[in-house]
Amino acid sequence: MTTERTDGQRGAGAKASVTPRELALDILIEVLERGALSHVVLRQALSKYQYLDKQDRAFITRVVEGTLEYQIQIDYIIDRYSRTKVQKMKPLIRTLLRMSVYQILYMDRIPDSAVCNEAVKLAAKRRFEGLKGFVNGILRSIAREKDAQSAAGAVSGTVKEDGADPWPDDSVRYSMPRWLIELWTEAYGEDAARGMLEAFLMERPFSVRCNPDRASEEEIMESLRLQGVTVMKNAYAEDMLYLEDFDYPERLTAFQAGLITAQDLSSACVAKAAGLKAGDTVLDVCGAPGGKALHAASILRRLCRDGQAGDASEPGHIYVRDISERKAGMICGNVSRCGYEDLITVQIRDALVLDEDMTERADVVFADLPCSGLGVIGRKPDIKGRVRPEDIDALAALQRRILSVVWQYVKPGGILVYSTCTVSPCENTGNRDWFLANHPFEPVDITGRLGRRIVADTMTEGYIQLLPGQYPCDGFFLAVMRRHAA
């Protein structure tokens, strides 16, 4: 199948037939050569070409995400077969080779000959006629010897026929920067670090949380199955499901009707850990796209519905903030879709600027702060090529600046939940320890709040670090702290 578009790279106004492979190439160039965020560019492209059939969209998504996921390993292989090293190649040619090698090594249903032929055609189409032989020679050489470079060997430790390890080190084996492997090994131990590396390369189904205020779990599952979606219950959380075999969530009736919200198991731990009570005033200071606020609203409504309101005549209220109109718009869309307009107010605020009108008004503050995002590498693989050690230090400092402001919104005796979607000690336990040493707060025992299957010795001290491989979720950190009573 082909589509039509105008591509500035081929001259203004020149129309050309664009295949799914070419769309994948364009997306990867934006990410790898121009620094764009992969999930943003991919979403925009799939939205623009939403009339592509499901198979083409799945192909584009897999080629883009897979190439980014295995980039280090792919570059190592290409460099073995090319006199011109990857970093010295023309940007379009190295991107074309990267995505083609991914297809050869990891997409068995596509004939190697087809991958090679299509790559040669794309090189010519993009005005690199003189490099067709170069592209063809490298790809056919890799295809002939691909069994020695098998993807299975990278993860399972399969060795070559002569007994040699096919990869020089774990950085190439797991396609992960060495400094991150060293960071995690030092922080969490060799076994945990290796478990993370393996987990980041594993496919996980799409995670959603059900909205019990709109329908029962059984009704939601039936709606999804009627659209051909494979649905599995999440053994770690009764209100969460895993979905497979669908195009994208916005096309699902259950999503459109607000019956489900995209949310990882790790993110859903925040509202559970907070110990919410009916009547609470909740403030989410960096709330886009609104998942934690929606979850909190669901919990507050359930507490009232189940007769656990105590002295409270109303469920409570939630204020969700973020810094821009765009982010506030995302939150508003989700609040409206899920039917929580009466419980949630969306505001545009900078978390670094104190709002004196909100001082000591919140029973609970969610501070899920900007972070390095290392815990979501499995879903956003370009992060591992983007983040540098100095970025982590800068983000840890930013988190401290925000915490120094937002703690003032917590009532005496109220709760602050600090969380990040990363696995970096200085952003997580380091900042928790700093905060407790410099602010009038104490840790809250959260044992049992996250269910029977999510447990850690540190929960008695009010925090938990979730590691990929340890739990079926993103890497995530949360700490629950109570402000001293006046």
Protein backbone atom coordinates (compact mmCIF):
# COMPACT_ATOMS: atom_id res chain seq x y z
CA MET A 1 0.00 0.00 0.00
CA THR A 2 1.21 3.52 -0.73
CA THR A 3 0.20 7.03 0.22
CA GLU A 4 0.78 10.41 -1.33
CA ARG A 5 2.60 13.35 0.21
CA THR A 6 4.84 16.28 -0.57
CA ASP A 7 8.39 15.88 0.77
CA GLY A 8 10.60 18.94 1.04
CA GLN A 9 13.68 16.73 0.70
CA ARG A 10 12.72 16.12 -2.92
CA GLY A 11 11.85 19.69 -3.83
CA ALA A 12 8.88 21.90 -3.07
CA GLY A 13 5.65 20.74 -4.66
CA ALA A 14 7.07 17.40 -5.84
CA LYS A 15 4.59 14.61 -5.23
CA ALA A 16 5.86 11.16 -4.47
CA SER A 17 4.50 7.79 -3.50
CA VAL A 18 5.39 7.05 0.12
CA THR A 19 5.57 3.50 1.44
CA PRO A 20 5.40 2.45 5.10
CA ARG A 21 9.16 1.84 4.98
CA GLU A 22 9.74 5.40 3.82
CA LEU A 23 7.53 6.75 6.60
CA ALA A 24 9.55 4.73 9.12
CA LEU A 25 12.74 6.16 7.62
CA ASP A 26 11.44 9.72 7.93
CA ILE A 27 10.43 9.19 11.56
CA LEU A 28 13.81 7.69 12.45
CA ILE A 29 15.67 10.57 10.80
CA GLU A 30 13.66 13.02 12.90
CA VAL A 31 14.56 11.12 16.07
CA LEU A 32 18.15 10.04 15.43
CA GLU A 33 19.43 13.00 13.43
CA ARG A 34 17.29 15.90 14.65
CA GLY A 35 16.68 14.99 18.27
CA ALA A 36 12.89 14.67 18.15
CA LEU A 37 11.07 12.53 20.73
CA SER A 38 10.21 9.15 19.24
CA HIS A 39 6.77 8.75 20.79
CA VAL A 40 5.75 12.25 19.72
CA VAL A 41 6.94 11.94 16.10
CA LEU A 42 5.50 8.43 15.77
CA ARG A 43 2.13 9.52 17.14
CA GLN A 44 2.03 12.53 14.82
CA ALA A 45 2.89 10.43 11.78
CA LEU A 46 0.32 7.75 12.55
CA SER A 47 -2.28 10.44 13.13
CA LYS A 48 -1.47 12.13 9.82
CA TYR A 49 -1.65 8.83 7.94
CA GLN A 50 -4.47 7.35 10.01
CA TYR A 51 -6.04 5.83 6.90
CA LEU A 52 -3.15 3.36 6.63
CA ASP A 53 -4.32 -0.15 7.39
CA LYS A 54 -3.55 -1.84 10.70
CA GLN A 55 -0.75 -3.98 9.26
CA ASP A 56 1.11 -0.98 7.82
CA ARG A 57 0.78 1.00 11.04
CA ALA A 58 2.05 -1.96 13.06
CA PHE A 59 5.00 -2.33 10.68
CA ILE A 60 5.97 1.35 11.01
CA THR A 61 5.70 1.25 14.79
CA ARG A 62 7.77 -1.90 15.13
CA VAL A 63 10.53 -0.77 12.75
CA VAL A 64 10.85 2.61 14.47
CA GLU A 65 10.79 1.33 18.04
CA GLY A 66 12.90 -1.75 17.27
CA THR A 67 15.61 0.21 15.48
CA LEU A 68 15.89 2.60 18.42
CA GLU A 69 15.80 -0.26 20.90
CA TYR A 70 18.68 -2.16 19.26
CA GLN A 71 20.66 0.76 17.87
CA ILE A 72 23.89 0.07 19.76
CA GLN A 73 23.85 -3.58 18.70
CA ILE A 74 22.94 -2.69 15.12
CA ASP A 75 25.75 -0.13 14.86
CA TYR A 76 28.23 -2.71 16.14
CA ILE A 77 27.14 -5.15 13.42
CA ILE A 78 27.20 -2.57 10.62
CA ASP A 79 30.68 -1.43 11.65
CA ARG A 80 31.92 -5.02 11.29
CA TYR A 81 30.82 -5.13 7.65
CA SER A 82 31.53 -1.59 6.49
CA ARG A 83 34.82 0.17 5.88
CA THR A 84 33.00 3.44 6.47
CA LYS A 85 31.93 3.42 10.10
CA VAL A 86 28.38 4.30 11.04
CA GLN A 87 29.19 7.70 12.50
CA LYS A 88 31.00 8.74 9.28
CA MET A 89 28.10 7.83 6.97
CA LYS A 90 25.58 10.18 5.41
CA PRO A 91 22.69 10.58 7.92
CA LEU A 92 20.07 9.14 5.58
CA ILE A 93 22.26 6.16 4.63
CA ARG A 94 23.10 5.21 8.21
CA THR A 95 19.43 5.50 9.22
CA LEU A 96 18.41 3.39 6.22
CA LEU A 97 21.00 0.76 7.10
CA ARG A 98 19.99 0.72 10.76
CA MET A 99 16.31 0.11 10.07
CA SER A 100 17.12 -2.48 7.40
CA VAL A 101 19.47 -4.43 9.68
CA TYR A 102 16.75 -4.44 12.33
CA GLN A 103 14.34 -5.98 9.83
CA ILE A 104 16.90 -8.61 8.79
CA LEU A 105 17.74 -9.65 12.35
CA TYR A 106 14.44 -9.24 14.16
CA MET A 107 11.56 -9.51 11.68
CA ASP A 108 11.61 -13.09 10.44
CA ARG A 109 8.44 -12.79 8.38
CA ILE A 110 10.07 -10.35 5.98
CA PRO A 111 12.36 -12.02 3.41
CA ASP A 112 15.92 -10.73 3.61
CA SER A 113 15.94 -10.20 -0.14
CA ALA A 114 12.92 -7.90 0.14
CA VAL A 115 14.61 -5.84 2.86
CA CYS A 116 17.74 -5.44 0.74
CA ASN A 117 15.82 -4.57 -2.42
CA GLU A 118 13.60 -2.02 -0.70
CA ALA A 119 16.60 -0.37 0.95
CA VAL A 120 18.34 -0.01 -2.41
CA LYS A 121 15.19 1.50 -3.92
CA LEU A 122 14.90 3.98 -1.05
CA ALA A 123 18.54 5.03 -1.40
CA ALA A 124 17.94 5.80 -5.07
CA LYS A 125 14.63 7.52 -4.40
CA ARG A 126 16.31 9.82 -1.91
CA ARG A 127 18.98 10.78 -4.48
CA PHE A 128 21.76 8.47 -3.27
CA GLU A 129 21.93 6.51 -6.50
CA GLY A 130 25.70 6.24 -6.22
CA LEU A 131 25.46 4.45 -2.85
CA LYS A 132 23.06 1.70 -3.92
CA GLY A 133 25.89 -0.81 -4.24
CA PHE A 134 27.27 0.16 -0.83
CA VAL A 135 23.87 -0.35 0.84
CA ASN A 136 23.21 -3.59 -1.03
CA GLY A 137 26.62 -5.07 -0.24
CA ILE A 138 26.45 -4.43 3.51
CA LEU A 139 22.90 -5.69 3.92
CA ARG A 140 23.40 -8.86 1.87
CA SER A 141 26.60 -9.68 3.78
CA ILE A 142 24.80 -9.28 7.09
CA ALA A 143 21.85 -11.33 5.84
CA ARG A 144 24.15 -14.21 4.83
CA GLU A 145 25.66 -14.38 8.30
CA LYS A 146 22.70 -13.31 10.39
CA ASP A 147 22.48 -16.61 12.28
CA ALA A 148 25.76 -15.71 13.93
CA GLN A 149 24.23 -12.37 14.99
CA SER A 150 20.85 -13.75 16.02
CA ALA A 151 18.63 -11.63 18.22
CA ALA A 152 18.03 -14.67 20.41
CA GLY A 153 21.74 -14.92 21.03
CA ALA A 154 21.82 -11.37 22.31
CA VAL A 155 19.31 -12.03 25.05
CA SER A 156 19.57 -15.72 25.88
CA GLY A 157 23.33 -15.99 25.62
CA THR A 158 23.35 -18.29 22.60
CA VAL A 159 26.91 -18.74 21.37
CA LYS A 160 28.39 -19.28 17.95
CA GLU A 161 29.21 -22.76 16.65
CA ASP A 162 32.83 -22.32 17.73
CA GLY A 163 31.68 -21.61 21.29
CA ALA A 164 32.45 -17.90 21.21
CA ASP A 165 30.07 -15.29 22.61
CA PRO A 166 28.58 -13.36 19.65
CA TRP A 167 28.72 -10.05 21.54
CA PRO A 168 31.78 -8.32 23.00
CA ASP A 169 30.04 -7.07 26.17
CA ASP A 170 26.68 -6.42 27.80
CA SER A 171 26.44 -2.97 26.26
CA VAL A 172 26.20 -4.52 22.80
CA ARG A 173 24.33 -7.63 24.00
CA TYR A 174 21.53 -5.56 25.53
CA SER A 175 22.01 -2.47 23.37
CA MET A 176 22.46 -0.21 26.40
CA PRO A 177 25.07 2.51 27.07
CA ARG A 178 27.84 1.25 29.31
CA TRP A 179 27.49 4.06 31.81
CA LEU A 180 23.88 3.09 32.50
CA ILE A 181 24.80 -0.54 33.05
CA GLU A 182 27.50 0.58 35.50
CA LEU A 183 25.07 2.93 37.27
CA TRP A 184 22.45 0.24 37.77
CA THR A 185 24.94 -2.45 38.74
CA GLU A 186 26.41 -0.25 41.43
CA ALA A 187 23.01 0.89 42.70
CA TYR A 188 20.98 -2.33 42.58
CA GLY A 189 23.44 -5.18 42.16
CA GLU A 190 24.46 -7.27 39.15
CA ASP A 191 21.44 -9.59 39.15
CA ALA A 192 18.90 -6.78 39.37
CA ALA A 193 20.72 -4.78 36.71
CA ARG A 194 20.75 -7.74 34.33
CA GLY A 195 17.06 -8.32 35.01
CA MET A 196 16.38 -4.71 34.02
CA LEU A 197 18.41 -5.03 30.83
CA GLU A 198 16.49 -8.13 29.79
CA ALA A 199 13.13 -6.61 30.75
CA PHE A 200 13.73 -3.50 28.66
CA LEU A 201 14.06 -5.70 25.55
CA MET A 202 10.92 -7.70 26.23
CA GLU A 203 7.57 -6.80 24.70
CA ARG A 204 4.87 -5.94 27.20
CA PRO A 205 1.18 -5.58 26.40
CA PHE A 206 -0.52 -2.19 26.61
CA SER A 207 -1.65 -1.39 30.17
CA VAL A 208 -4.94 0.33 31.04
CA ARG A 209 -6.88 1.09 34.19
CA CYS A 210 -10.64 0.56 34.23
CA ASN A 211 -13.06 3.33 35.18
CA PRO A 212 -15.54 1.68 37.58
CA ASP A 213 -17.71 4.82 37.57
CA ARG A 214 -18.57 4.16 33.92
CA ALA A 215 -18.84 0.36 33.71
CA SER A 216 -17.93 -2.88 35.44
CA GLU A 217 -14.72 -4.68 34.57
CA GLU A 218 -16.72 -7.43 32.88
CA GLU A 219 -18.60 -4.91 30.71
CA ILE A 220 -15.34 -3.20 29.77
CA MET A 221 -13.69 -6.48 28.83
CA GLU A 222 -16.69 -7.46 26.71
CA SER A 223 -16.58 -4.12 24.86
CA LEU A 224 -12.90 -4.60 24.09
CA ARG A 225 -13.32 -8.19 22.93
CA LEU A 226 -16.11 -7.18 20.57
CA GLN A 227 -13.51 -5.06 18.76
CA GLY A 228 -11.11 -7.99 18.48
CA VAL A 229 -8.84 -6.93 21.34
CA THR A 230 -7.07 -9.63 23.35
CA VAL A 231 -7.71 -8.78 27.02
CA MET A 232 -5.83 -10.09 30.05
CA LYS A 233 -6.32 -9.23 33.69
CA ASN A 234 -3.41 -7.74 35.59
CA ALA A 235 -2.55 -10.07 38.46
CA TYR A 236 -1.01 -7.17 40.42
CA ALA A 237 -4.01 -4.82 40.39
CA GLU A 238 -7.69 -5.74 40.26
CA ASP A 239 -8.73 -2.65 38.30
CA MET A 240 -6.13 -2.96 35.54
CA LEU A 241 -6.01 -4.83 32.23
CA TYR A 242 -3.45 -5.69 29.56
CA LEU A 243 -4.46 -5.26 25.92
CA GLU A 244 -3.06 -6.73 22.70
CA ASP A 245 -4.10 -6.99 19.05
CA PHE A 246 -5.43 -3.49 18.48
CA ASP A 247 -4.35 -0.51 16.40
CA TYR A 248 -4.23 2.38 18.83
CA PRO A 249 -6.32 3.20 21.94
CA GLU A 250 -8.17 6.21 20.54
CA ARG A 251 -9.98 3.89 18.11
CA LEU A 252 -11.37 1.72 20.90
CA THR A 253 -14.96 2.35 21.94
CA ALA A 254 -14.03 1.71 25.56
CA PHE A 255 -11.42 4.47 25.41
CA GLN A 256 -13.69 6.94 23.64
CA ALA A 257 -16.40 6.36 26.24
CA GLY A 258 -14.01 6.87 29.16
CA LEU A 259 -14.21 3.25 30.30
CA ILE A 260 -10.42 2.87 30.27
CA THR A 261 -7.39 5.09 30.72
CA ALA A 262 -3.87 4.29 29.58
CA GLN A 263 -1.80 3.85 32.74
CA ASP A 264 1.10 1.65 33.75
CA LEU A 265 0.91 -0.45 36.91
CA SER A 266 3.74 1.62 38.40
CA SER A 267 1.96 4.95 37.90
CA ALA A 268 -1.22 3.52 39.41
CA CYS A 269 0.68 2.92 42.65
CA VAL A 270 0.78 6.64 43.47
CA ALA A 271 -2.90 7.16 44.30
CA LYS A 272 -2.99 3.83 46.14
CA ALA A 273 0.04 4.67 48.25
CA ALA A 274 -1.33 8.08 49.26
CA GLY A 275 -3.94 6.68 51.66
CA LEU A 276 -6.69 8.94 50.32
CA LYS A 277 -9.76 9.69 52.45
CA ALA A 278 -13.18 10.89 51.32
CA GLY A 279 -13.33 14.69 51.50
CA ASP A 280 -9.62 15.13 50.77
CA THR A 281 -8.33 18.09 48.81
CA VAL A 282 -5.71 16.73 46.43
CA LEU A 283 -3.19 18.77 44.44
CA ASP A 284 -1.25 17.23 41.55
CA VAL A 285 1.49 19.75 40.72
CA CYS A 286 2.85 18.25 37.47
CA GLY A 287 -0.19 16.32 36.37
CA ALA A 288 -0.26 15.90 32.58
CA PRO A 289 -1.78 13.83 31.06
CA GLY A 290 -3.89 13.37 34.19
CA GLY A 291 -3.74 9.64 34.95
CA LYS A 292 -2.99 9.97 38.65
CA ALA A 293 -5.70 12.58 39.17
CA LEU A 294 -8.26 10.39 37.38
CA HIS A 295 -7.26 7.47 39.57
CA ALA A 296 -7.57 9.59 42.71
CA ALA A 297 -11.04 10.74 41.62
CA SER A 298 -12.09 7.13 41.14
CA ILE A 299 -10.85 6.21 44.62
CA LEU A 300 -12.60 9.17 46.28
CA ARG A 301 -15.90 8.30 44.60
CA ARG A 302 -15.58 4.67 45.62
CA LEU A 303 -14.95 5.63 49.25
CA CYS A 304 -18.20 7.60 49.29
CA ARG A 305 -20.11 4.94 47.40
CA ASP A 306 -18.94 2.22 49.79
CA GLY A 307 -19.94 4.21 52.88
CA GLN A 308 -16.39 5.06 53.92
CA ALA A 309 -16.86 8.82 53.83
CA GLY A 310 -16.87 9.28 57.58
CA ASP A 311 -17.71 12.91 58.36
CA ALA A 312 -17.27 13.98 54.73
CA SER A 313 -20.47 14.76 52.83
CA GLU A 314 -18.61 15.05 49.48
CA PRO A 315 -15.90 12.88 47.87
CA GLY A 316 -13.40 15.75 47.92
CA HIS A 317 -11.74 17.70 45.14
CA ILE A 318 -8.63 17.42 42.99
CA TYR A 319 -6.63 20.25 41.45
CA VAL A 320 -4.38 19.21 38.59
CA ARG A 321 -1.70 21.57 37.34
CA ASP A 322 0.86 21.74 34.59
CA ILE A 323 2.92 24.45 33.00
CA SER A 324 1.40 24.95 29.54
CA GLU A 325 -1.92 25.26 27.76
CA ARG A 326 -1.04 22.21 25.68
CA LYS A 327 -0.54 20.03 28.75
CA ALA A 328 -3.60 21.46 30.49
CA GLY A 329 -5.58 20.67 27.36
CA MET A 330 -4.46 17.05 27.50
CA ILE A 331 -5.64 16.81 31.11
CA CYS A 332 -8.99 18.49 30.34
CA GLY A 333 -9.63 16.07 27.50
CA ASN A 334 -9.10 13.06 29.75
CA VAL A 335 -11.13 14.52 32.62
CA SER A 336 -14.08 15.16 30.30
CA ARG A 337 -13.79 11.77 28.59
CA CYS A 338 -13.88 9.95 31.93
CA GLY A 339 -16.64 12.08 33.49
CA TYR A 340 -14.82 13.71 36.39
CA GLU A 341 -15.52 17.40 35.65
CA ASP A 342 -17.24 17.74 39.04
CA LEU A 343 -14.25 16.38 40.96
CA ILE A 344 -11.25 17.76 39.05
CA THR A 345 -10.19 21.33 38.32
CA VAL A 346 -7.41 21.84 35.77
CA GLN A 347 -5.06 24.79 36.20
CA ILE A 348 -2.04 26.21 34.36
CA ARG A 349 0.69 26.83 36.94
CA ASP A 350 4.48 26.70 37.13
CA ALA A 351 5.45 24.32 39.94
CA LEU A 352 8.55 26.41 40.65
CA VAL A 353 6.45 29.47 41.55
CA LEU A 354 4.71 29.45 44.93
CA ASP A 355 0.93 29.91 44.82
CA GLU A 356 0.26 31.53 48.17
CA ASP A 357 -3.48 30.97 47.85
CA MET A 358 -2.86 27.22 47.97
CA THR A 359 -0.52 27.24 50.97
CA GLU A 360 -1.47 24.57 53.55
CA ARG A 361 -4.75 23.77 51.74
CA ALA A 362 -4.02 20.27 50.42
CA ASP A 363 -4.55 17.05 52.34
CA VAL A 364 -2.48 15.25 49.69
CA VAL A 365 0.04 16.58 47.16
CA PHE A 366 1.21 14.45 44.25
CA ALA A 367 4.67 15.53 43.09
CA ASP A 368 5.42 13.29 40.11
CA LEU A 369 8.27 15.43 38.86
CA PRO A 370 10.24 15.82 35.61
CA CYS A 371 12.96 13.19 35.58
CA SER A 372 15.42 11.36 33.34
CA GLY A 373 12.75 8.78 32.44
CA LEU A 374 15.14 5.83 32.61
CA GLY A 375 12.36 3.61 33.92
CA VAL A 376 10.37 3.87 30.67
CA ILE A 377 13.19 2.93 28.27
CA GLY A 378 11.19 -0.18 27.36
CA ARG A 379 8.45 2.06 25.91
CA LYS A 380 10.55 5.03 24.79
CA PRO A 381 13.87 3.50 23.69
CA ASP A 382 15.37 6.75 22.39
CA ILE A 383 15.79 7.85 26.03
CA LYS A 384 18.89 5.70 26.47
CA GLY A 385 20.62 7.49 23.62
CA ARG A 386 19.46 10.91 24.75
CA VAL A 387 20.16 11.07 28.49
CA ARG A 388 23.67 11.87 29.76
CA PRO A 389 25.07 11.64 33.32
CA GLU A 390 25.08 15.42 33.63
CA ASP A 391 21.38 15.49 32.72
CA ILE A 392 20.57 13.32 35.73
CA ASP A 393 22.40 15.69 38.08
CA ALA A 394 20.58 18.69 36.59
CA LEU A 395 17.19 16.98 36.89
CA ALA A 396 17.84 15.98 40.50
CA ALA A 397 18.58 19.63 41.25
CA LEU A 398 15.37 20.73 39.49
CA GLN A 399 13.36 18.22 41.51
CA ARG A 400 14.75 19.67 44.72
CA ARG A 401 13.80 23.17 43.63
CA ILE A 402 10.23 22.07 42.94
CA LEU A 403 9.97 20.13 46.20
CA SER A 404 11.19 23.21 48.07
CA VAL A 405 8.08 25.00 46.77
CA VAL A 406 5.31 22.42 46.68
CA TRP A 407 5.70 21.03 50.21
CA GLN A 408 4.19 24.31 51.43
CA TYR A 409 0.82 23.31 49.93
CA VAL A 410 0.52 20.38 52.34
CA LYS A 411 -1.59 20.91 55.46
CA PRO A 412 0.02 20.09 58.82
CA GLY A 413 -0.56 16.36 59.12
CA GLY A 414 -1.09 16.07 55.35
CA ILE A 415 0.67 13.86 52.83
CA LEU A 416 3.26 14.48 50.10
CA VAL A 417 3.84 11.72 47.53
CA TYR A 418 7.10 12.22 45.63
CA SER A 419 7.51 10.04 42.56
CA THR A 420 9.52 9.65 39.35
CA CYS A 421 9.50 7.23 36.41
CA THR A 422 13.24 6.65 36.63
CA VAL A 423 15.80 4.29 38.14
CA SER A 424 18.46 6.73 39.24
CA PRO A 425 19.41 6.87 42.95
CA CYS A 426 20.19 10.58 43.07
CA GLU A 427 16.76 11.43 41.65
CA ASN A 428 14.99 8.97 43.93
CA THR A 429 16.33 7.86 47.32
CA GLY A 430 18.87 10.67 47.24
CA ASN A 431 16.18 13.32 46.92
CA ARG A 432 13.93 11.61 49.45
CA ASP A 433 16.70 11.58 52.03
CA TRP A 434 17.56 15.22 51.30
CA PHE A 435 13.92 16.26 51.60
CA LEU A 436 13.36 14.55 54.94
CA ALA A 437 16.57 16.07 56.31
CA ASN A 438 15.58 19.61 55.33
CA HIS A 439 11.77 19.81 55.66
CA PRO A 440 9.22 19.14 58.42
CA PHE A 441 8.14 15.72 57.17
CA GLU A 442 8.41 12.10 58.27
CA PRO A 443 8.07 8.84 56.30
CA VAL A 444 4.75 6.97 56.26
CA ASP A 445 4.61 3.18 56.43
CA ILE A 446 2.95 2.09 53.16
CA THR A 447 3.04 -1.65 53.81
CA GLY A 448 0.02 -3.32 52.21
CA ARG A 449 -1.22 -0.28 50.32
CA LEU A 450 -0.06 -1.54 46.92
CA GLY A 451 -1.60 -4.99 47.19
CA ARG A 452 -0.28 -8.35 48.30
CA ARG A 453 2.12 -8.85 45.38
CA ILE A 454 4.00 -5.55 45.45
CA VAL A 455 6.19 -5.70 48.53
CA ALA A 456 9.57 -4.39 49.66
CA ASP A 457 11.37 -4.03 52.97
CA THR A 458 11.63 -0.28 52.36
CA MET A 459 7.85 0.16 52.47
CA THR A 460 8.00 0.45 56.26
CA GLU A 461 10.21 3.50 55.62
CA GLY A 462 7.66 4.96 53.23
CA TYR A 463 9.17 4.28 49.82
CA ILE A 464 9.64 1.70 47.09
CA GLN A 465 11.79 1.45 43.98
CA LEU A 466 10.08 -0.63 41.31
CA LEU A 467 12.56 -2.21 38.90
CA PRO A 468 11.74 -3.64 35.46
CA GLY A 469 12.24 -7.38 35.62
CA GLN A 470 11.26 -7.39 39.27
CA TYR A 471 7.69 -6.37 38.50
CA PRO A 472 5.78 -6.28 35.16
CA CYS A 473 5.89 -2.50 34.94
CA ASP A 474 8.05 0.51 34.19
CA GLY A 475 10.88 1.50 36.49
CA PHE A 476 9.33 3.79 39.08
CA PHE A 477 10.00 5.34 42.49
CA LEU A 478 7.61 6.72 45.06
CA ALA A 479 7.99 8.02 48.61
CA VAL A 480 5.13 8.92 50.93
CA MET A 481 5.83 11.52 53.63
CA ARG A 482 3.60 13.21 56.24
CA ARG A 483 4.02 16.84 57.29
CA HIS A 484 4.51 17.32 61.00
CA ALA A 485 1.39 18.42 62.83
CA ALA A 486 1.37 22.08 63.89
